[in-house]
Protein backbone atom coordinates (compact mmCIF):
# COMPACT_ATOMS: atom_id res chain seq x y z
CA MET A 1 96.92 127.90 112.48
CA ARG A 2 98.07 125.25 114.94
CA SER A 3 95.25 123.94 117.09
CA SER A 4 95.37 124.39 120.84
CA PRO A 5 93.58 121.52 122.55
CA THR A 6 90.81 122.74 124.83
CA ARG A 7 90.71 121.20 128.28
CA PRO A 8 87.42 119.52 129.22
CA GLY A 9 85.21 121.83 131.23
CA ARG A 10 85.85 124.95 129.18
CA ASP A 11 83.43 126.35 126.63
CA VAL A 12 83.42 123.98 123.67
CA PRO A 13 84.27 125.85 120.43
CA PHE A 14 82.39 125.23 117.18
CA CYS A 15 84.43 124.19 114.15
CA LEU A 16 84.42 125.71 110.69
CA PRO A 17 82.93 123.60 107.89
CA PRO A 18 85.37 122.15 105.34
CA GLN A 19 85.67 123.74 101.91
CA GLU A 20 83.67 122.06 99.16
CA ARG A 21 86.00 123.04 96.32
CA VAL A 22 89.60 121.85 96.41
CA GLU A 23 92.72 122.76 94.48
CA ALA A 24 93.34 120.54 91.45
CA ALA A 25 96.06 117.92 91.68
CA SER A 26 99.54 119.15 90.78
CA PHE A 27 100.78 115.63 90.04
CA GLU A 28 99.34 112.41 88.65
CA ILE A 29 97.56 110.50 91.40
CA PRO A 30 98.54 106.82 91.16
CA PRO A 31 95.77 104.20 90.93
CA GLY A 32 94.87 102.81 94.33
CA ALA A 33 95.90 105.98 96.20
CA CYS A 34 94.73 106.13 99.81
CA ASP A 35 93.91 109.00 102.16
CA THR A 36 94.70 107.38 105.50
CA HIS A 37 93.30 109.99 107.87
CA ALA A 38 89.84 111.51 107.89
CA HIS A 39 86.76 111.60 110.11
CA VAL A 40 83.01 111.42 109.60
CA VAL A 41 80.44 113.27 111.69
CA ALA A 42 76.75 112.45 111.46
CA ALA A 43 74.21 115.15 110.67
CA ASP A 44 71.83 113.74 113.31
CA ALA A 45 73.27 114.81 116.65
CA GLN A 46 70.45 113.12 118.58
CA ALA A 47 71.02 109.70 117.06
CA TYR A 48 74.79 110.08 117.45
CA PRO A 49 75.35 112.22 120.57
CA MET A 50 78.73 113.77 121.28
CA VAL A 51 80.46 113.28 124.60
CA PRO A 52 80.31 116.21 127.05
CA GLU A 53 84.08 116.12 127.65
CA ARG A 54 84.85 116.83 123.97
CA SER A 55 87.27 119.65 123.11
CA TYR A 56 85.29 120.99 120.13
CA THR A 57 81.99 120.64 118.28
CA PRO A 58 82.55 119.76 114.62
CA HIS A 59 80.41 120.70 111.67
CA PRO A 60 78.66 117.66 110.12
CA ALA A 61 81.00 115.71 107.85
CA THR A 62 78.71 113.05 106.47
CA GLU A 63 79.39 109.84 104.62
CA GLN A 64 78.44 111.39 101.29
CA SER A 65 80.57 114.50 101.89
CA TYR A 66 83.50 112.29 102.79
CA LEU A 67 83.16 110.12 99.68
CA SER A 68 82.84 113.24 97.53
CA MET A 69 86.04 114.55 99.08
CA LEU A 70 87.87 111.31 98.28
CA ASP A 71 86.64 111.47 94.69
CA ALA A 72 87.69 115.11 94.33
CA GLN A 73 91.12 114.22 95.69
CA GLY A 74 91.55 111.31 93.31
CA MET A 75 91.74 108.87 96.21
CA ALA A 76 90.52 105.37 95.43
CA ARG A 77 90.69 104.37 99.10
CA GLY A 78 90.31 105.91 102.52
CA VAL A 79 90.85 105.25 106.20
CA LEU A 80 88.41 106.67 108.72
CA VAL A 81 89.63 107.49 112.20
CA GLN A 82 87.08 107.53 115.01
CA ILE A 83 86.64 111.20 115.92
CA SER A 84 87.17 112.10 119.57
CA VAL A 85 83.80 113.83 120.00
CA TYR A 86 82.06 110.45 119.93
CA GLY A 87 84.33 108.90 122.56
CA THR A 88 84.07 105.11 122.33
CA ASP A 89 80.79 105.17 120.39
CA ASN A 90 82.09 103.95 117.03
CA ARG A 91 78.64 103.34 115.52
CA TYR A 92 78.60 105.96 112.77
CA MET A 93 82.09 105.17 111.55
CA LEU A 94 81.36 101.44 111.56
CA GLU A 95 78.14 101.93 109.59
CA VAL A 96 80.05 103.85 106.92
CA LEU A 97 82.78 101.20 106.79
CA ARG A 98 80.27 98.38 106.35
CA ARG A 99 78.73 100.10 103.34
CA HIS A 100 82.11 100.38 101.57
CA PRO A 101 84.11 97.24 102.42
CA ASP A 102 86.37 97.38 99.38
CA ARG A 103 87.18 101.08 99.61
CA LEU A 104 87.45 101.91 103.32
CA ARG A 105 89.23 100.84 106.48
CA GLY A 106 88.95 102.27 109.98
CA ILE A 107 90.69 103.04 113.27
CA GLY A 108 88.52 102.64 116.35
CA VAL A 109 88.49 103.96 119.91
CA VAL A 110 87.58 101.53 122.69
CA ALA A 111 87.94 101.17 126.44
CA PRO A 112 90.05 98.33 127.89
CA THR A 113 86.80 96.61 128.89
CA VAL A 114 85.86 96.00 125.25
CA THR A 115 84.87 92.39 124.61
CA ASP A 116 86.52 90.02 122.15
CA ALA A 117 83.21 89.78 120.30
CA GLU A 118 83.12 93.56 119.88
CA LEU A 119 86.67 93.61 118.54
CA GLU A 120 85.90 90.81 116.11
CA ALA A 121 82.81 92.65 114.86
CA MET A 122 84.91 95.77 114.34
CA HIS A 123 87.48 93.74 112.41
CA ALA A 124 84.73 92.36 110.16
CA ALA A 125 83.60 95.93 109.49
CA GLY A 126 87.09 96.96 108.38
CA VAL A 127 88.78 98.30 111.53
CA ARG A 128 92.52 97.65 111.58
CA GLY A 129 93.74 99.58 114.62
CA LEU A 130 92.93 101.45 117.82
CA ARG A 131 93.72 105.05 118.67
CA ILE A 132 95.30 106.52 121.76
CA ASN A 133 94.49 110.25 121.98
CA VAL A 134 95.94 112.44 124.72
CA LEU A 135 95.41 115.80 123.02
CA PHE A 136 91.63 116.14 122.87
CA GLY A 137 88.80 115.30 125.24
CA GLY A 138 87.01 112.05 124.50
CA GLY A 139 90.14 110.02 123.83
CA ILE A 140 91.71 107.00 125.50
CA GLY A 141 95.03 107.68 127.26
CA PHE A 142 98.44 106.05 127.63
CA ASP A 143 97.35 104.11 130.70
CA ALA A 144 95.34 101.80 128.44
CA MET A 145 97.86 101.23 125.65
CA GLU A 146 99.51 98.03 126.93
CA THR A 147 96.19 96.37 127.73
CA LEU A 148 94.67 97.31 124.39
CA ALA A 149 97.80 96.32 122.46
CA ARG A 150 97.67 92.84 123.97
CA ARG A 151 93.98 92.56 123.14
CA ILE A 152 94.46 93.35 119.44
CA ALA A 153 97.74 91.56 118.76
CA GLY A 154 95.98 88.45 117.51
CA LEU A 155 93.93 90.50 115.05
CA GLY A 156 97.01 91.91 113.32
CA TRP A 157 96.04 95.47 114.21
CA HIS A 158 98.19 98.43 115.24
CA MET A 159 97.98 101.23 117.80
CA GLN A 160 97.65 104.79 116.51
CA PHE A 161 98.84 107.72 118.63
CA LEU A 162 97.61 111.30 118.63
CA MET A 163 100.20 112.86 120.88
CA ASP A 164 102.95 115.45 121.04
CA ALA A 165 106.20 113.75 120.04
CA ARG A 166 107.99 115.65 122.81
CA GLN A 167 106.46 112.98 125.06
CA LEU A 168 108.17 110.15 123.17
CA PRO A 169 111.56 110.06 124.94
CA GLU A 170 109.87 109.42 128.30
CA LEU A 171 107.48 106.84 126.82
CA MET A 172 110.01 104.96 124.70
CA PRO A 173 110.67 102.14 127.20
CA ARG A 174 106.96 101.29 127.20
CA MET A 175 106.37 101.80 123.50
CA ARG A 176 109.26 99.58 122.42
CA LYS A 177 107.68 96.69 124.32
CA LEU A 178 104.23 96.89 122.73
CA PRO A 179 103.33 93.65 120.91
CA VAL A 180 101.91 95.55 117.92
CA PRO A 181 103.26 98.32 115.66
CA GLY A 182 102.51 101.96 116.42
CA VAL A 183 101.44 104.71 114.01
CA ILE A 184 102.18 108.32 114.96
CA ASP A 185 99.63 110.88 113.78
CA HIS A 186 100.46 114.19 112.10
CA MET A 187 104.25 113.78 111.97
CA GLY A 188 104.38 113.87 115.75
CA HIS A 189 102.01 116.83 116.26
CA MET A 190 104.67 119.10 117.72
CA PRO A 191 105.67 122.53 116.35
CA VAL A 192 108.26 122.39 113.58
CA ALA A 193 110.16 125.03 115.56
CA GLN A 194 111.34 122.03 117.62
CA ARG A 195 113.50 121.06 114.60
CA THR A 196 114.43 117.65 113.30
CA ASP A 197 117.37 117.33 115.71
CA SER A 198 115.11 117.62 118.76
CA ALA A 199 114.80 114.69 121.16
CA GLY A 200 111.15 114.16 120.23
CA PHE A 201 111.77 113.99 116.49
CA GLN A 202 114.77 111.72 116.93
CA ALA A 203 112.72 109.38 119.13
CA MET A 204 110.03 109.22 116.45
CA ARG A 205 112.66 108.54 113.80
CA HIS A 206 114.14 105.76 115.95
CA LEU A 207 110.76 104.05 116.36
CA LEU A 208 110.25 104.09 112.59
CA ARG A 209 113.73 102.84 111.71
CA GLU A 210 114.37 100.33 114.48
CA HIS A 211 111.03 99.16 115.84
CA GLY A 212 108.69 98.81 112.86
CA TRP A 213 106.57 101.85 113.67
CA TRP A 214 104.87 104.13 111.16
CA ALA A 215 104.05 107.84 110.84
CA LYS A 216 101.42 109.80 108.97
CA LEU A 217 102.44 112.63 106.66
CA SER A 218 99.36 114.58 107.69
CA GLY A 219 98.26 117.65 109.61
CA ALA A 220 101.00 119.97 108.31
CA TYR A 221 98.82 122.96 109.18
CA ARG A 222 98.69 121.79 112.80
CA ILE A 223 102.45 122.03 113.29
CA SER A 224 103.36 124.84 110.85
CA GLU A 225 104.16 128.45 111.74
CA ARG A 226 103.28 129.59 108.20
CA HIS A 227 99.53 129.75 107.76
CA ASP A 228 99.42 130.05 103.98
CA SER A 229 102.15 127.79 102.62
CA HIS A 230 103.09 125.41 105.48
CA ASP A 231 106.41 125.12 103.64
CA ASP A 232 108.30 125.11 106.94
CA VAL A 233 107.06 121.52 107.31
CA THR A 234 108.90 120.38 104.14
CA PRO A 235 112.26 119.65 105.87
CA TRP A 236 110.35 117.76 108.57
CA ALA A 237 108.49 115.58 106.05
CA ARG A 238 111.60 114.99 103.95
CA ALA A 239 113.55 113.89 107.02
CA LEU A 240 110.89 111.29 107.79
CA ILE A 241 110.86 110.10 104.17
CA GLU A 242 114.65 109.78 104.21
CA ALA A 243 114.52 107.83 107.47
CA ALA A 244 111.74 105.35 106.70
CA PRO A 245 110.21 105.57 103.21
CA ASP A 246 108.39 102.25 103.63
CA ARG A 247 106.81 103.29 106.96
CA LEU A 248 104.95 106.43 105.91
CA VAL A 249 101.41 107.06 104.73
CA TRP A 250 99.61 110.25 103.77
CA GLY A 251 96.39 111.65 105.19
CA SER A 252 94.28 114.74 104.57
CA ASP A 253 92.96 115.09 108.15
CA TRP A 254 89.59 116.11 106.63
CA PRO A 255 87.32 117.82 107.79
CA HIS A 256 90.11 119.78 109.53
CA VAL A 257 88.55 120.25 112.95
CA HIS A 258 89.56 122.68 115.67
CA ILE A 259 91.45 125.25 113.61
CA THR A 260 90.84 128.98 113.23
CA ARG A 261 91.37 129.22 109.45
CA MET A 262 90.05 126.56 107.09
CA VAL A 263 92.55 124.91 104.76
CA ASP A 264 92.25 123.61 101.19
CA THR A 265 92.32 119.81 101.22
CA GLY A 266 93.64 119.71 97.65
CA ARG A 267 96.50 122.00 98.51
CA LEU A 268 97.43 119.71 101.39
CA ARG A 269 97.57 116.78 98.97
CA ASN A 270 99.71 118.80 96.57
CA GLN A 271 102.30 119.37 99.30
CA LEU A 272 103.28 115.75 98.80
CA ALA A 273 104.88 116.72 95.48
CA ASP A 274 107.31 118.97 97.40
CA TRP A 275 107.97 116.40 100.09
CA ALA A 276 108.43 113.51 97.65
CA PRO A 277 109.29 114.83 94.15
CA GLU A 278 109.80 111.35 92.67
CA PRO A 279 106.61 109.63 91.40
CA GLU A 280 107.80 106.24 92.65
CA MET A 281 108.18 107.56 96.19
CA ARG A 282 104.69 109.10 96.08
CA LYS A 283 103.33 105.74 94.92
CA ARG A 284 104.92 104.07 97.93
CA ILE A 285 103.37 106.59 100.31
CA LEU A 286 99.94 106.72 98.66
CA VAL A 287 99.49 103.12 97.47
CA ASP A 288 102.00 100.49 98.56
CA ASN A 289 102.47 101.44 102.21
CA PRO A 290 98.78 101.87 103.11
CA GLN A 291 98.01 98.65 101.26
CA ARG A 292 100.33 96.80 103.67
CA LEU A 293 99.35 98.68 106.82
CA TYR A 294 95.57 98.43 106.40
CA GLY A 295 95.28 95.17 104.52
CA PHE A 296 93.80 96.48 101.30
CA PRO A 297 93.88 94.08 98.34
CA ALA A 298 96.57 94.70 95.74
CA ALA A 299 95.77 97.80 93.70
């Protein structure tokens, strides 16, 4: 079920819609729980056009559908990540954030030419970081990360990376020097067949333990070889939890774009019970850690 990024210029595939019904929670969701990774897609494609270099065309994932998903998941809070199909046009995400200032935060995508006034307006809307995306068309690449990191350091933001962790060893000298923390999407977004003793995983672990970086326990279905259970990701997730329990957050990755078989968002949440059997550890991952990273008020 792993996604294979489509190079710009090829036929753009259409995505499956997310499931409306989700598996019931297998554990008690703590108050203040946060889903730190999801996207919204407007129903009006003319008002919010997608960039031609996108790698896929998502099904609409509207504000109301997103909020309904959070409610069904038992998530009091959420973090929206600017979806790559809109490039640097953050308008729809920002509009949703402004309507829910207490519940939502966001991660934007901007070019290095962004103005200070634009960054300040995004901060006021609830944005707390910028994303580097080298896997799908419409993203901003590594060449911009130092410039953008310097621009946002005074805002207290972080840089978020959608990348294959096999690239980390080569990039480590640059990443260690960034003036802001980094957050690695989807547990490094490399196949679990690479194993936890691989150079990429060990580099990710080092950034979390020694350099104040973070990782998202998300996107298990993107790195798993087992389409139904994704249980081959459990050792991967547990190794990250053992390495840096205070530097991990959980995300659903709703609406699950660019995959060939749709997944159950509730089942993805329930995987956390296998990765972190202790309720106190789940509270850290779902409540305490995202509260610190995104600046939510105390739950």
